Protein backbone atom coordinates (compact mmCIF):
# COMPACT_ATOMS: atom_id res chain seq x y z
CA MET A 1 101.79 57.14 116.57
CA SER A 2 104.27 55.03 118.26
CA ARG A 3 106.38 56.13 121.00
CA ARG A 4 109.62 54.93 118.54
CA ASN A 5 108.08 57.61 116.11
CA ALA A 6 107.68 59.93 118.91
CA ASP A 7 111.07 60.49 119.72
CA LYS A 8 112.02 60.63 116.55
CA HIS A 9 110.13 63.38 115.73
CA SER A 10 110.48 65.00 119.03
CA PRO A 11 111.85 68.81 119.75
CA ALA A 12 114.77 66.78 120.93
CA HIS A 13 115.43 65.19 117.94
CA ALA A 14 115.37 67.99 116.14
CA GLY A 15 118.57 69.45 117.72
CA VAL A 16 117.23 73.06 118.33
CA HIS A 17 113.63 73.56 118.99
CA CYS A 18 112.03 77.08 119.54
CA ARG A 19 108.84 77.94 120.71
CA VAL A 20 106.99 80.84 119.72
CA ALA A 21 103.77 81.69 121.50
CA VAL A 22 101.55 84.73 121.25
CA GLY A 23 101.95 86.07 125.01
CA GLN A 24 100.29 89.49 126.05
CA ALA A 25 99.07 90.43 122.35
CA HIS A 26 98.10 94.18 123.96
CA ALA A 27 101.75 94.32 125.26
CA HIS A 28 103.24 92.98 121.73
CA LEU A 29 104.90 90.40 123.39
CA PHE A 30 105.81 86.83 121.96
CA ASP A 31 106.76 84.26 124.54
CA ILE A 32 109.64 82.28 123.30
CA THR A 33 111.21 79.22 124.65
CA LEU A 34 114.20 77.52 123.01
CA THR A 35 115.43 74.25 123.69
CA VAL A 36 118.43 72.57 122.44
CA ALA A 37 119.14 68.85 123.22
CA ALA A 38 122.56 68.72 123.63
CA ALA A 39 124.38 71.71 124.06
CA ALA A 40 128.04 72.70 123.89
CA ARG A 41 130.04 73.66 127.07
CA ARG A 42 128.97 77.12 127.91
CA GLN A 43 127.06 77.31 124.89
CA THR A 44 126.75 80.60 123.16
CA PHE A 45 123.95 81.73 121.56
CA ALA A 46 123.38 84.59 119.04
CA LEU A 47 120.35 87.06 117.55
CA PRO A 48 120.88 87.56 113.97
CA VAL A 49 121.22 91.98 113.72
CA TRP A 50 119.93 91.62 110.03
CA ILE A 51 117.76 90.17 108.32
CA PRO A 52 119.03 88.97 104.37
CA GLY A 53 116.89 91.04 101.91
CA SER A 54 117.30 94.34 103.89
CA TYR A 55 120.78 95.79 103.93
CA LEU A 56 120.58 97.75 107.30
CA VAL A 57 122.22 96.96 110.85
CA ARG A 58 118.81 96.84 112.67
CA GLU A 59 119.98 95.40 115.99
CA PHE A 60 117.07 93.00 116.76
CA SER A 61 118.45 92.50 120.43
CA GLN A 62 117.18 95.62 121.47
CA HIS A 63 113.68 94.04 121.54
CA LEU A 64 114.54 91.28 123.68
CA GLN A 65 113.82 90.76 127.32
CA GLN A 66 113.26 88.86 130.44
CA LEU A 67 116.05 86.06 129.35
CA THR A 68 116.59 83.25 131.77
CA ALA A 69 118.26 79.76 131.09
CA THR A 70 117.63 76.01 132.84
CA SER A 71 119.28 73.00 132.36
CA GLU A 72 117.63 69.77 133.20
CA GLY A 73 115.36 71.61 135.65
CA ARG A 74 118.12 73.79 137.47
CA PRO A 75 118.46 77.71 136.64
CA VAL A 76 121.67 77.95 134.51
CA ALA A 77 123.56 81.77 134.84
CA LEU A 78 123.97 83.64 131.63
CA ARG A 79 126.14 86.45 130.59
CA GLN A 80 126.34 88.83 127.95
CA LEU A 81 129.16 89.00 126.05
CA ASP A 82 128.03 91.84 123.51
CA LYS A 83 125.10 93.63 122.24
CA HIS A 84 123.46 90.56 120.66
CA ARG A 85 125.16 87.67 122.31
CA TRP A 86 124.83 85.70 125.19
CA GLN A 87 126.70 82.60 126.82
CA ALA A 88 125.38 79.78 129.15
CA ASP A 89 127.19 78.21 132.41
CA ASN A 90 125.64 75.10 131.65
CA GLU A 91 127.26 71.41 131.16
CA ALA A 92 128.61 69.66 127.87
CA GLY A 93 125.97 67.37 126.37
CA ALA A 94 123.04 68.32 128.66
CA SER A 95 119.72 70.27 127.47
CA LEU A 96 119.74 73.47 127.61
CA SER A 97 116.47 75.87 127.63
CA LEU A 98 116.21 79.44 127.43
CA SER A 99 112.94 81.56 127.97
CA TYR A 100 112.82 85.24 126.91
CA ARG A 101 110.04 87.73 125.81
CA ILE A 102 110.23 90.11 122.19
CA TYR A 103 108.69 93.27 122.31
CA ALA A 104 106.74 93.39 118.45
CA PHE A 105 105.47 96.31 117.06
CA ASP A 106 107.02 97.04 114.14
CA ALA A 107 104.44 96.20 111.41
CA SER A 108 107.01 96.10 108.22
CA VAL A 109 108.02 93.19 106.59
CA ARG A 110 111.22 92.90 108.18
CA THR A 111 110.96 92.56 111.98
CA ALA A 112 108.27 91.32 114.39
CA PHE A 113 104.61 92.64 114.61
CA LEU A 114 101.72 91.75 117.27
CA ASP A 115 98.43 93.07 118.98
CA GLY A 116 94.98 92.21 119.13
CA THR A 117 94.04 92.57 115.34
CA ARG A 118 97.30 90.00 113.91
CA GLY A 119 100.85 88.73 114.71
CA PHE A 120 103.83 88.54 112.02
CA PHE A 121 107.44 87.18 112.75
CA ASN A 122 110.74 86.36 110.96
CA SER A 123 112.40 84.22 113.21
CA THR A 124 115.49 86.59 112.81
CA SER A 125 113.97 88.65 115.19
CA THR A 126 112.56 85.92 117.22
CA CYS A 127 114.85 83.02 117.26
CA LEU A 128 118.34 82.49 119.06
CA ARG A 129 120.89 81.23 117.00
CA VAL A 130 122.78 78.30 118.59
CA ILE A 131 126.10 79.15 117.68
CA GLY A 132 127.83 75.91 116.52
CA GLN A 133 124.67 74.19 115.45
CA GLU A 134 123.34 76.39 113.10
CA ASP A 135 123.70 73.49 110.48
CA ARG A 136 121.34 70.75 112.61
CA PRO A 137 117.56 70.37 111.80
CA HIS A 138 115.38 72.72 113.74
CA THR A 139 112.17 72.74 114.56
CA LEU A 140 109.59 75.67 115.26
CA GLU A 141 106.40 75.30 116.92
CA VAL A 142 104.05 78.47 116.53
CA ALA A 143 101.97 78.16 120.04
CA ARG A 144 98.07 79.82 120.26
CA GLY A 145 99.18 81.05 123.84
CA THR A 146 96.60 83.78 124.45
CA ALA A 147 95.95 83.98 120.87
CA PRO A 148 92.49 85.24 119.64
CA ALA A 149 89.58 83.03 118.83
CA GLY A 150 89.44 82.39 115.00
CA TRP A 151 93.14 83.30 114.61
CA ARG A 152 95.41 80.98 112.05
CA VAL A 153 98.94 80.83 111.01
CA ALA A 154 100.42 81.04 107.26
CA THR A 155 104.00 80.06 106.54
CA GLY A 156 106.39 78.73 104.33
CA LEU A 157 107.40 76.03 106.62
CA GLU A 158 106.94 72.41 106.39
CA ALA A 159 104.76 70.88 109.06
CA ASP A 160 106.43 68.57 110.93
CA PRO A 161 105.98 64.86 110.17
CA GLY A 162 105.98 63.56 113.66
CA LEU A 163 104.25 66.63 115.47
CA GLY A 164 102.27 68.32 112.38
CA VAL A 165 100.11 71.00 112.93
CA ASP A 166 96.14 71.56 113.54
CA ALA A 167 93.83 72.55 110.98
CA ASP A 168 94.11 76.15 111.28
CA GLY A 169 98.33 76.02 111.32
CA TRP A 170 98.73 76.06 114.49
CA GLY A 171 101.57 73.35 115.82
CA THR A 172 105.11 72.17 114.85
CA TYR A 173 107.21 73.01 111.95
CA ARG A 174 110.49 71.52 110.48
CA ALA A 175 113.64 73.35 109.03
CA ALA A 176 116.76 71.62 107.55
CA ASP A 177 118.87 74.46 109.25
CA TYR A 178 118.92 77.58 110.74
CA ASP A 179 118.94 79.70 107.60
CA GLU A 180 115.61 77.65 106.30
CA LEU A 181 114.22 78.76 109.66
CA VAL A 182 114.72 82.37 109.23
CA ASP A 183 114.29 82.55 105.92
CA CYS A 184 110.07 81.30 106.56
CA PRO A 185 108.51 84.15 107.81
CA VAL A 186 105.16 83.47 109.77
CA GLU A 187 101.65 85.48 109.63
CA LEU A 188 99.39 85.17 112.14
CA GLY A 189 95.71 86.19 112.43
CA ASN A 190 92.18 85.92 111.06
CA PHE A 191 93.08 86.71 107.35
CA TRP A 192 91.64 86.07 104.33
CA SER A 193 93.26 83.07 102.40
CA GLY A 194 92.78 81.79 98.66
CA GLU A 195 95.07 79.04 96.73
CA PHE A 196 95.63 78.17 93.06
CA GLU A 197 98.18 76.19 91.07
CA ALA A 198 101.26 77.79 88.82
CA CYS A 199 102.77 74.88 86.48
CA GLY A 200 101.15 72.82 88.82
CA VAL A 201 102.69 74.36 92.26
CA PRO A 202 100.89 74.92 94.63
CA HIS A 203 100.54 78.81 95.43
CA ARG A 204 98.77 80.33 98.59
CA PHE A 205 98.05 84.25 99.22
CA VAL A 206 97.11 85.32 102.63
CA VAL A 207 96.00 89.03 103.10
CA SER A 208 95.35 90.73 106.54
CA GLY A 209 93.74 94.22 106.71
CA ALA A 210 91.60 94.06 103.69
CA GLY A 211 87.52 95.16 103.82
CA ALA A 212 84.81 93.63 103.14
CA TRP A 213 84.51 94.75 99.50
CA PHE A 214 88.17 93.27 98.52
CA ASP A 215 88.25 91.01 95.45
CA GLY A 216 90.18 87.90 96.69
CA GLN A 217 89.31 86.24 93.25
CA ARG A 218 91.06 88.80 90.84
CA LEU A 219 94.05 89.08 93.04
CA LEU A 220 94.40 85.21 92.79
CA ASP A 221 94.07 85.17 88.93
CA ASP A 222 96.48 88.25 88.24
CA THR A 223 99.02 86.68 90.57
CA ARG A 224 98.49 83.16 89.04
CA ARG A 225 99.18 84.98 85.78
CA ILE A 226 102.58 86.66 86.73
CA CYS A 227 103.59 83.21 88.46
CA GLU A 228 103.12 81.13 85.52
CA THR A 229 104.87 83.32 83.06
CA GLN A 230 107.92 83.73 85.46
CA ILE A 231 108.25 80.21 86.14
CA ARG A 232 108.28 79.62 82.62
CA PHE A 233 110.59 82.29 81.64
CA TRP A 234 112.96 80.19 83.98
CA HIS A 235 112.71 76.77 83.39
CA GLY A 236 110.03 76.21 80.19
CA ASP A 237 108.08 73.26 81.24
CA GLN A 238 110.07 71.97 84.06
CA PRO A 239 109.13 72.33 87.63
CA PRO A 240 110.66 75.27 89.57
CA PRO A 241 113.23 74.97 92.63
CA PHE A 242 110.41 75.01 95.10
CA GLN A 243 107.29 72.57 95.92
CA ARG A 244 104.88 75.50 97.34
CA TYR A 245 104.96 79.10 97.36
CA VAL A 246 103.08 81.69 100.24
CA PHE A 247 102.30 85.10 99.45
CA MET A 248 101.52 87.16 102.91
CA LEU A 249 99.96 90.53 102.62
CA HIS A 250 99.11 92.92 105.30
CA ALA A 251 96.94 95.94 103.94
CA SER A 252 97.38 98.92 105.44
CA ALA A 253 96.32 102.39 105.54
CA ASP A 254 99.77 103.98 104.23
CA GLY A 255 102.27 101.19 103.35
CA TYR A 256 104.22 100.11 100.81
CA GLY A 257 107.11 97.37 100.80
CA GLY A 258 108.22 93.96 100.23
CA LEU A 259 110.73 91.18 101.65
CA GLU A 260 111.69 88.19 99.70
CA HIS A 261 112.31 84.47 100.73
CA ARG A 262 113.06 81.26 99.26
CA ASN A 263 109.49 79.92 98.99
CA SER A 264 107.29 82.87 100.12
CA THR A 265 106.97 86.79 100.88
CA ALA A 266 105.95 89.27 102.86
CA LEU A 267 104.35 92.03 101.06
CA ILE A 268 102.51 95.31 102.33
CA CYS A 269 100.77 97.73 100.45
CA GLN A 270 98.23 100.81 100.91
CA ARG A 271 94.61 99.01 101.28
CA ALA A 272 93.15 101.47 98.61
CA ASP A 273 95.11 99.72 95.98
CA LEU A 274 93.82 96.28 96.97
CA PRO A 275 91.10 95.43 93.90
CA ARG A 276 87.48 96.22 94.99
CA GLN A 277 84.44 93.67 93.66
CA ASP A 278 82.59 96.53 92.61
CA ASP A 279 85.42 97.46 90.06
CA LYS A 280 84.58 97.96 86.58
CA PRO A 281 86.56 96.22 83.96
CA ARG A 282 89.40 98.48 82.35
CA ALA A 283 92.96 98.68 81.09
CA LEU A 284 95.58 99.17 84.05
CA LYS A 285 96.92 102.25 84.29
CA ALA A 286 100.57 103.06 84.99
CA THR A 287 98.97 105.27 87.73
CA ASP A 288 96.73 102.73 89.30
CA GLY A 289 97.76 101.57 92.65
CA TYR A 290 96.82 98.06 92.11
CA THR A 291 99.43 98.29 89.27
CA THR A 292 101.78 99.10 91.92
CA LEU A 293 100.39 96.28 93.85
CA LEU A 294 100.95 93.65 90.80
CA GLY A 295 104.63 94.77 90.42
CA LEU A 296 105.75 94.80 94.09
CA ILE A 297 104.16 91.01 93.89
CA SER A 298 106.12 90.32 90.71
CA HIS A 299 109.07 91.69 92.05
CA GLU A 300 109.23 89.70 95.03
CA TYR A 301 108.35 86.47 93.30
CA PHE A 302 111.08 87.34 90.81
CA HIS A 303 113.78 87.01 93.64
CA THR A 304 113.10 83.56 94.36
CA TRP A 305 115.50 82.95 91.38
CA ASN A 306 117.39 86.28 91.33
CA VAL A 307 118.85 86.59 94.90
CA LYS A 308 117.41 83.79 97.24
CA ARG A 309 119.13 81.18 94.93
CA LEU A 310 120.93 83.15 91.98
CA ARG A 311 123.28 85.22 94.42
CA PRO A 312 126.40 87.23 95.07
CA ALA A 313 129.05 85.05 96.14
CA GLU A 314 129.20 87.06 99.13
CA PHE A 315 126.03 85.75 100.42
CA ALA A 316 127.12 81.87 99.97
CA ARG A 317 126.64 81.58 103.26
CA TYR A 318 124.98 84.58 105.41
CA ASP A 319 126.87 86.15 108.15
CA TYR A 320 124.19 87.26 110.12
CA ASP A 321 126.57 89.07 113.12
CA GLN A 322 127.55 91.87 110.80
CA GLU A 323 127.07 93.60 107.46
CA ASN A 324 127.24 91.42 104.35
CA HIS A 325 128.94 93.63 101.49
CA THR A 326 128.54 93.09 97.69
CA GLU A 327 128.81 95.52 95.00
CA LEU A 328 126.15 93.26 92.56
CA LEU A 329 122.47 94.88 94.38
CA TRP A 330 122.49 96.88 90.76
CA PHE A 331 122.22 92.98 89.14
CA PHE A 332 119.84 91.78 92.26
CA GLU A 333 117.59 94.48 92.90
CA GLY A 334 117.99 96.57 89.72
CA PHE A 335 117.73 93.46 87.66
CA THR A 336 114.34 92.33 89.60
CA SER A 337 112.98 95.69 89.09
CA TYR A 338 113.07 95.75 85.39
CA TYR A 339 111.48 92.44 85.61
CA ASP A 340 109.00 93.17 87.61
CA ASP A 341 107.11 95.30 85.24
CA LEU A 342 107.91 93.53 82.38
CA PHE A 343 106.30 90.18 83.78
CA LEU A 344 102.99 92.31 83.91
CA ARG A 345 103.22 93.32 80.41
CA ARG A 346 104.06 89.18 79.51
CA ALA A 347 101.21 88.13 81.80
CA GLY A 348 98.85 90.04 80.12
CA LEU A 349 98.03 92.86 82.78
CA ILE A 350 99.10 95.88 81.01
CA ASP A 351 99.73 97.34 77.71
CA ASP A 352 103.11 98.42 75.80
CA ASN A 353 102.30 101.71 76.32
CA THR A 354 101.52 101.02 80.18
CA TRP A 355 105.04 99.74 80.62
CA LEU A 356 106.55 102.33 78.63
CA GLN A 357 104.84 105.23 80.99
CA LEU A 358 106.32 102.87 83.84
CA GLN A 359 110.16 103.06 81.99
CA ALA A 360 109.75 106.97 81.98
CA LYS A 361 108.80 107.12 84.90
CA ASN A 362 111.89 105.70 86.29
CA ILE A 363 114.22 107.28 83.82
CA ASN A 364 112.87 111.09 84.96
CA GLN A 365 113.58 109.45 88.19
CA LEU A 366 116.94 109.25 87.98
CA ARG A 367 117.34 112.62 86.05
CA GLN A 368 116.27 114.31 88.68
CA THR A 369 118.93 112.65 90.97
CA PRO A 370 121.96 114.73 91.30
CA GLY A 371 123.56 111.78 92.86
CA ARG A 372 123.90 109.94 89.60
CA LEU A 373 126.85 112.61 89.29
CA VAL A 374 128.38 111.66 92.72
CA GLN A 375 128.10 107.60 92.98
CA THR A 376 128.39 104.46 90.60
CA VAL A 377 125.84 102.11 91.35
CA ALA A 378 128.06 99.58 92.09
CA GLN A 379 129.36 101.78 95.05
CA ALA A 380 125.39 102.70 95.73
CA SER A 381 125.27 98.57 96.21
CA PHE A 382 128.10 98.39 98.37
CA ASP A 383 127.17 101.42 100.69
CA ALA A 384 123.46 100.38 100.99
CA TRP A 385 124.45 99.15 105.19
CA VAL A 386 125.17 103.06 105.72
CA LYS A 387 123.46 104.97 102.67
CA TYR A 388 120.54 103.59 101.49
CA TYR A 389 118.44 102.57 104.25
CA ARG A 390 119.44 106.21 105.77
CA VAL A 391 117.64 108.52 104.23
CA GLY A 392 118.22 112.37 104.66
CA GLU A 393 117.80 115.59 103.15
CA ASN A 394 120.98 114.86 101.50
CA THR A 395 120.54 111.93 99.75
CA PRO A 396 119.31 112.67 96.89
CA ASN A 397 122.48 114.49 96.22
CA ALA A 398 125.18 112.07 96.99
CA THR A 399 123.71 108.67 96.49
CA VAL A 400 122.02 106.87 93.36
CA SER A 401 119.26 103.70 93.90
CA TYR A 402 120.77 100.78 92.80
CA TYR A 403 117.43 99.80 92.09
CA GLY A 404 116.34 102.38 89.48
CA LYS A 405 119.62 102.91 88.10
CA GLY A 406 119.88 99.20 88.20
CA ALA A 407 116.72 98.76 86.42
CA LEU A 408 118.21 100.98 83.39
CA VAL A 409 121.10 99.41 83.18
CA ALA A 410 119.50 96.06 82.34
CA LEU A 411 117.10 97.78 79.79
CA CYS A 412 120.31 99.00 78.45
CA LEU A 413 121.79 95.77 78.29
CA ASP A 414 118.88 94.00 76.83
CA LEU A 415 118.71 96.28 73.98
CA THR A 416 122.39 96.20 73.38
CA LEU A 417 122.28 92.08 73.15
CA ARG A 418 118.65 92.57 71.09
CA GLN A 419 121.02 94.49 68.36
CA ARG A 420 123.13 91.37 68.20
CA GLY A 421 120.59 88.83 68.32
CA SER A 422 120.45 87.79 71.60
CA SER A 423 118.65 89.55 74.95
CA LEU A 424 119.06 89.99 78.59
CA ASP A 425 116.34 87.01 78.97
CA ASP A 426 118.97 84.45 77.49
CA ALA A 427 121.97 85.91 79.81
CA MET A 428 119.86 85.49 82.81
CA ARG A 429 118.76 81.59 82.18
CA THR A 430 122.54 81.08 80.78
CA LEU A 431 123.71 82.46 84.33
CA TRP A 432 121.32 80.41 86.00
CA ALA A 433 122.98 77.24 83.82
CA ARG A 434 126.19 78.43 84.43
CA THR A 435 126.04 79.06 88.36
CA GLU A 436 123.62 75.68 88.83
CA GLY A 437 121.32 78.46 90.51
CA GLY A 438 124.03 78.87 92.67
CA PRO A 439 126.76 81.85 93.95
CA MET A 440 128.06 84.21 90.97
CA ARG A 441 130.23 87.02 90.33
CA GLU A 442 130.69 90.07 88.12
CA ALA A 443 132.80 88.06 86.46
CA ASP A 444 130.27 85.56 85.54
CA VAL A 445 128.06 88.38 84.17
CA ARG A 446 130.67 89.48 81.83
CA ARG A 447 131.26 85.87 80.51
CA VAL A 448 127.91 85.27 79.39
CA LEU A 449 127.30 88.61 78.12
CA LYS A 450 130.61 88.19 75.67
CA GLN A 451 129.10 84.63 74.76
CA LEU A 452 125.88 85.85 73.89
CA ALA A 453 126.81 89.28 72.02
CA GLY A 454 129.70 88.03 70.05
CA ARG A 455 132.09 90.39 71.50
CA HIS A 456 132.80 91.76 75.26
CA LEU A 457 130.41 94.31 76.68
CA ASP A 458 133.25 95.18 79.41
CA ALA A 459 133.31 98.74 78.22
CA GLU A 460 129.58 99.07 78.66
CA LEU A 461 129.52 97.45 81.93
CA ASP A 462 132.74 99.97 82.77
CA ALA A 463 130.44 103.12 81.96
CA TRP A 464 127.14 101.97 83.34
CA VAL A 465 127.86 100.41 86.33
CA HIS A 466 131.59 101.42 87.41
CA SER A 467 131.20 105.15 86.37
CA THR A 468 128.68 108.07 86.66
CA ALA A 469 128.37 108.66 82.65
CA GLU A 470 124.82 109.01 81.83
CA LEU A 471 123.38 105.93 80.35
CA PRO A 472 122.30 105.91 76.48
CA VAL A 473 118.54 105.41 77.46
CA GLU A 474 116.79 107.07 74.83
CA SER A 475 118.93 106.45 71.98
CA LEU A 476 118.53 102.66 72.36
CA LEU A 477 114.97 103.16 72.78
CA GLN A 478 114.72 105.16 70.14
CA ALA A 479 116.04 102.47 67.73
CA THR A 480 113.72 99.81 69.52
CA GLY A 481 110.72 101.40 68.15
CA VAL A 482 110.07 103.73 71.27
CA LYS A 483 108.93 107.29 70.32
CA VAL A 484 110.91 109.69 73.20
CA GLN A 485 109.32 113.20 73.52
CA ASP A 486 110.05 115.74 76.14
CA GLU A 487 107.48 117.13 78.59
CA PRO A 488 107.34 120.01 81.06
CA VAL A 489 108.04 119.56 84.75
CA ALA A 490 106.16 120.95 87.56
CA LEU A 491 107.85 123.55 89.00
CA ALA A 492 109.40 122.30 92.19
CA GLN A 493 111.43 119.83 90.02
CA GLN A 494 112.48 122.80 87.89
CA LEU A 495 113.69 124.71 90.90
CA GLY A 496 115.03 121.57 92.10
CA LEU A 497 113.10 121.10 94.82
CA ARG A 498 111.22 118.21 97.16
CA VAL A 499 108.53 119.88 99.43
CA SER A 500 105.48 118.42 101.23
CA GLU A 501 102.43 120.53 100.90
CA THR A 502 99.84 119.87 103.69
CA GLY A 503 97.94 121.95 105.73
CA GLY A 504 98.39 125.22 103.47
CA ALA A 505 102.01 124.57 104.24
CA VAL A 506 105.07 124.67 102.24
CA GLN A 507 107.79 122.37 103.87
CA VAL A 508 110.99 122.28 102.05
CA LYS A 509 112.63 118.39 102.43
CA THR A 510 115.54 118.45 99.83
CA VAL A 511 117.57 120.88 97.90
CA MET A 512 119.17 119.64 94.77
CA ARG A 513 122.88 120.22 94.54
CA GLY A 514 123.05 122.89 91.85
CA SER A 515 119.87 123.74 91.56
CA ALA A 516 118.26 127.42 91.68
CA ALA A 517 117.13 126.65 95.10
CA GLU A 518 120.41 125.64 96.56
CA ALA A 519 121.82 128.99 95.10
CA ALA A 520 118.96 131.50 96.34
CA GLY A 521 120.20 129.99 99.74
CA LEU A 522 116.72 127.70 100.25
CA ALA A 523 117.53 124.50 102.91
CA ALA A 524 115.98 121.53 104.08
CA GLY A 525 113.34 122.36 106.84
CA ASP A 526 112.73 125.54 105.81
CA GLU A 527 108.77 126.68 105.46
CA TRP A 528 108.08 128.53 102.00
CA LEU A 529 105.98 131.07 103.09
CA GLY A 530 105.21 133.32 100.40
CA ILE A 531 106.97 135.21 97.69
CA GLU A 532 107.56 138.97 97.38
CA LEU A 533 107.77 140.44 94.08
CA ALA A 534 109.95 143.67 93.06
CA PRO A 535 108.08 146.68 91.83
CA ALA A 536 107.00 146.28 88.14
CA ARG A 537 108.08 150.14 87.38
CA ARG A 538 109.25 153.27 89.30
CA GLY A 539 107.08 154.53 91.83
CA GLN A 540 105.32 151.50 92.52
CA ALA A 541 105.00 149.34 95.80
CA ALA A 542 106.63 146.14 96.31
CA GLU A 543 103.81 143.13 96.85
CA ALA A 544 104.14 140.11 99.01
CA TRP A 545 101.78 137.44 98.98
CA ARG A 546 101.24 134.11 101.19
CA ILE A 547 101.46 130.85 99.24
CA ALA A 548 99.83 127.85 100.00
CA LYS A 549 101.21 125.38 97.51
CA LEU A 550 104.50 125.74 95.31
CA ASP A 551 102.32 125.72 91.86
CA GLU A 552 100.79 129.13 92.88
CA VAL A 553 104.17 130.74 92.12
CA ALA A 554 104.18 129.40 88.41
CA TRP A 555 102.46 132.16 86.77
CA LEU A 556 105.22 134.24 87.54
CA ARG A 557 107.59 132.46 85.37
CA GLY A 558 108.31 134.52 82.28
CA LYS A 559 106.39 137.26 83.28
CA ARG A 560 109.01 137.94 85.92
CA SER A 561 112.98 137.32 85.81
CA GLY A 562 112.90 136.32 89.46
CA VAL A 563 110.85 136.50 92.94
CA THR A 564 112.12 136.50 96.25
CA ALA A 565 111.26 133.39 98.45
CA LEU A 566 109.95 134.21 102.17
CA VAL A 567 111.00 131.29 104.35
CA SER A 568 111.04 130.33 107.69
CA ARG A 569 113.91 129.05 109.30
CA ASP A 570 114.55 128.22 112.63
CA ARG A 571 111.80 130.95 113.55
CA ARG A 572 113.43 133.68 111.38
CA LEU A 573 112.10 135.02 108.63
CA LEU A 574 114.07 135.41 105.63
CA ARG A 575 114.38 136.31 102.43
CA CYS A 576 116.02 134.36 99.62
CA PRO A 577 116.13 135.88 95.93
CA LEU A 578 115.35 133.23 93.58
CA GLU A 579 116.27 133.49 89.72
CA TRP A 580 114.49 131.31 87.31
CA PRO A 581 116.40 128.31 85.99
CA PRO A 582 116.60 127.43 82.21
CA ALA A 583 112.80 125.59 81.06
CA GLN A 584 113.48 121.85 82.54
CA GLN A 585 111.84 118.49 80.72
CA ALA A 586 110.78 115.48 81.37
CA VAL A 587 110.91 112.22 79.16
CA LYS A 588 107.77 110.96 78.23
CA LEU A 589 107.67 107.46 76.03
CA SER A 590 105.16 106.04 73.95
CA VAL A 591 105.04 103.15 71.10
CA GLN A 592 106.10 104.68 67.77
CA ASP A 593 107.09 101.16 65.62
CA ALA A 594 104.32 98.58 67.24
CA ALA A 595 105.37 95.41 65.88
CA ALA A 596 109.28 95.91 66.96
CA VAL A 597 108.19 97.55 70.35
CA ALA A 598 105.75 93.99 70.80
CA ARG A 599 108.65 91.77 69.76
CA TRP A 600 110.58 93.23 72.52
CA LEU A 601 108.76 93.54 75.17
CA ALA A 602 107.01 89.86 74.41
CA GLY A 603 110.66 88.24 75.15
């Protein structure tokens, strides 16, 4: 390449260049160098306090250390302004370089991780924002440093055309601005990699942590079916709004989660949920771990449209310095949760009854959440920053999930629209066209629903989204050919408890509001040791029995009016008289009118 082209595509030409190198893997340290071609006088830098898609202030700056600055080869003084901002004492127009390290030992999809087996980072955790230059071109150099032999790189960023990357992906990538830089995570390691095309668009799938038994081809084939179904849902025969896509999946002993990005996603699953080469062909069940993994893949891919492009007006431009509130997560997360498993059905990966079983699980989870009568799903959206991600023993009593209830709001709207000759599918595509795949408000949703239904659906939205009224899920399902039945629930749910049962101990995690367990005086943190039975008849002695599982008590229902729970709290032994509550039931769904259900689920 000529000297002129080299200058054109140099890091300095990019405006801002961030070099992330594998430093000390066993110490979990990335070495970072940030270079600004022409800094402002007393240039300010900031590290984001949160990552879009995960609504909690996570204080990424806690992992930044050994920050120094130089300008034109000379040391420059730095002053820390607050928890995540620094200011350099430099001259205007001069180049400025910052060097620092990032401690990376969070294996989630939200931050950064590095050890001797793999590396991963979001640039919100590693790359300082140059205040005032966020809209300038950025480059990201991913450097081998001390990376073990055989490590490769995967990211949704495009390689810089001038500096480029090698065959393993090490090298320099470009971003139009800071927003694009931090919206493309990077996976490092000796991962499995496969490729496919969906509607003509190249897709790459990388998997770390899998065993030799992993069936990568099945994962590729099933994911391709999901992607093609979603692209056609949104665009028909037209191309999607991205030119390539990367799935980055880490398989661990015990993990689950995902985070969406504009042309990629970071995923975590349990290793046991991966498909195996020795699996015998059979229909997927609602309880299969692989079904859960495919639902996660579908969910994050649908976010490519619903939240990354069609997004709340409050997210038109992210503010990385503080919370970004919106009341619309019931739409962006809830509706995505409705469609994720629905696209498994439309892609032919599950059948109608399996899909209905997944909906029944969601309905029952909402039923067993007293917080649904306390908090609206719009309030839950706004309060995500202080409630959803800060789970405690009282969470089910005070909050409702904008994922779960939002998905059921979507189901209710879909069935209501179908009664009037339209569908939620039409509403989603109309919203996309109306906003040109950009920011939207709830008023846009209301206008589109009125257009498609032929009348206002404001009363329904007010009741389902802005009040704590129960959703008419069961009646709408029955009118659409679904058989709704009741079935017994486990004893813990009848008593209003969430417990863990390990090592022969029953540990109380949550006591539900208004439950029999609450009336008896049980509390979160109690260890339920045993039961005491009053004498069945005069002259008979009381009995006390040790229990290792709660179901060991179930046989007494119907035989005794109640029992006394013997619990340990703060090493004190307490007696909690427990009366049996009225029998409670869970919802069971199945196909009654096969043709009607098939028409609905097929779209």
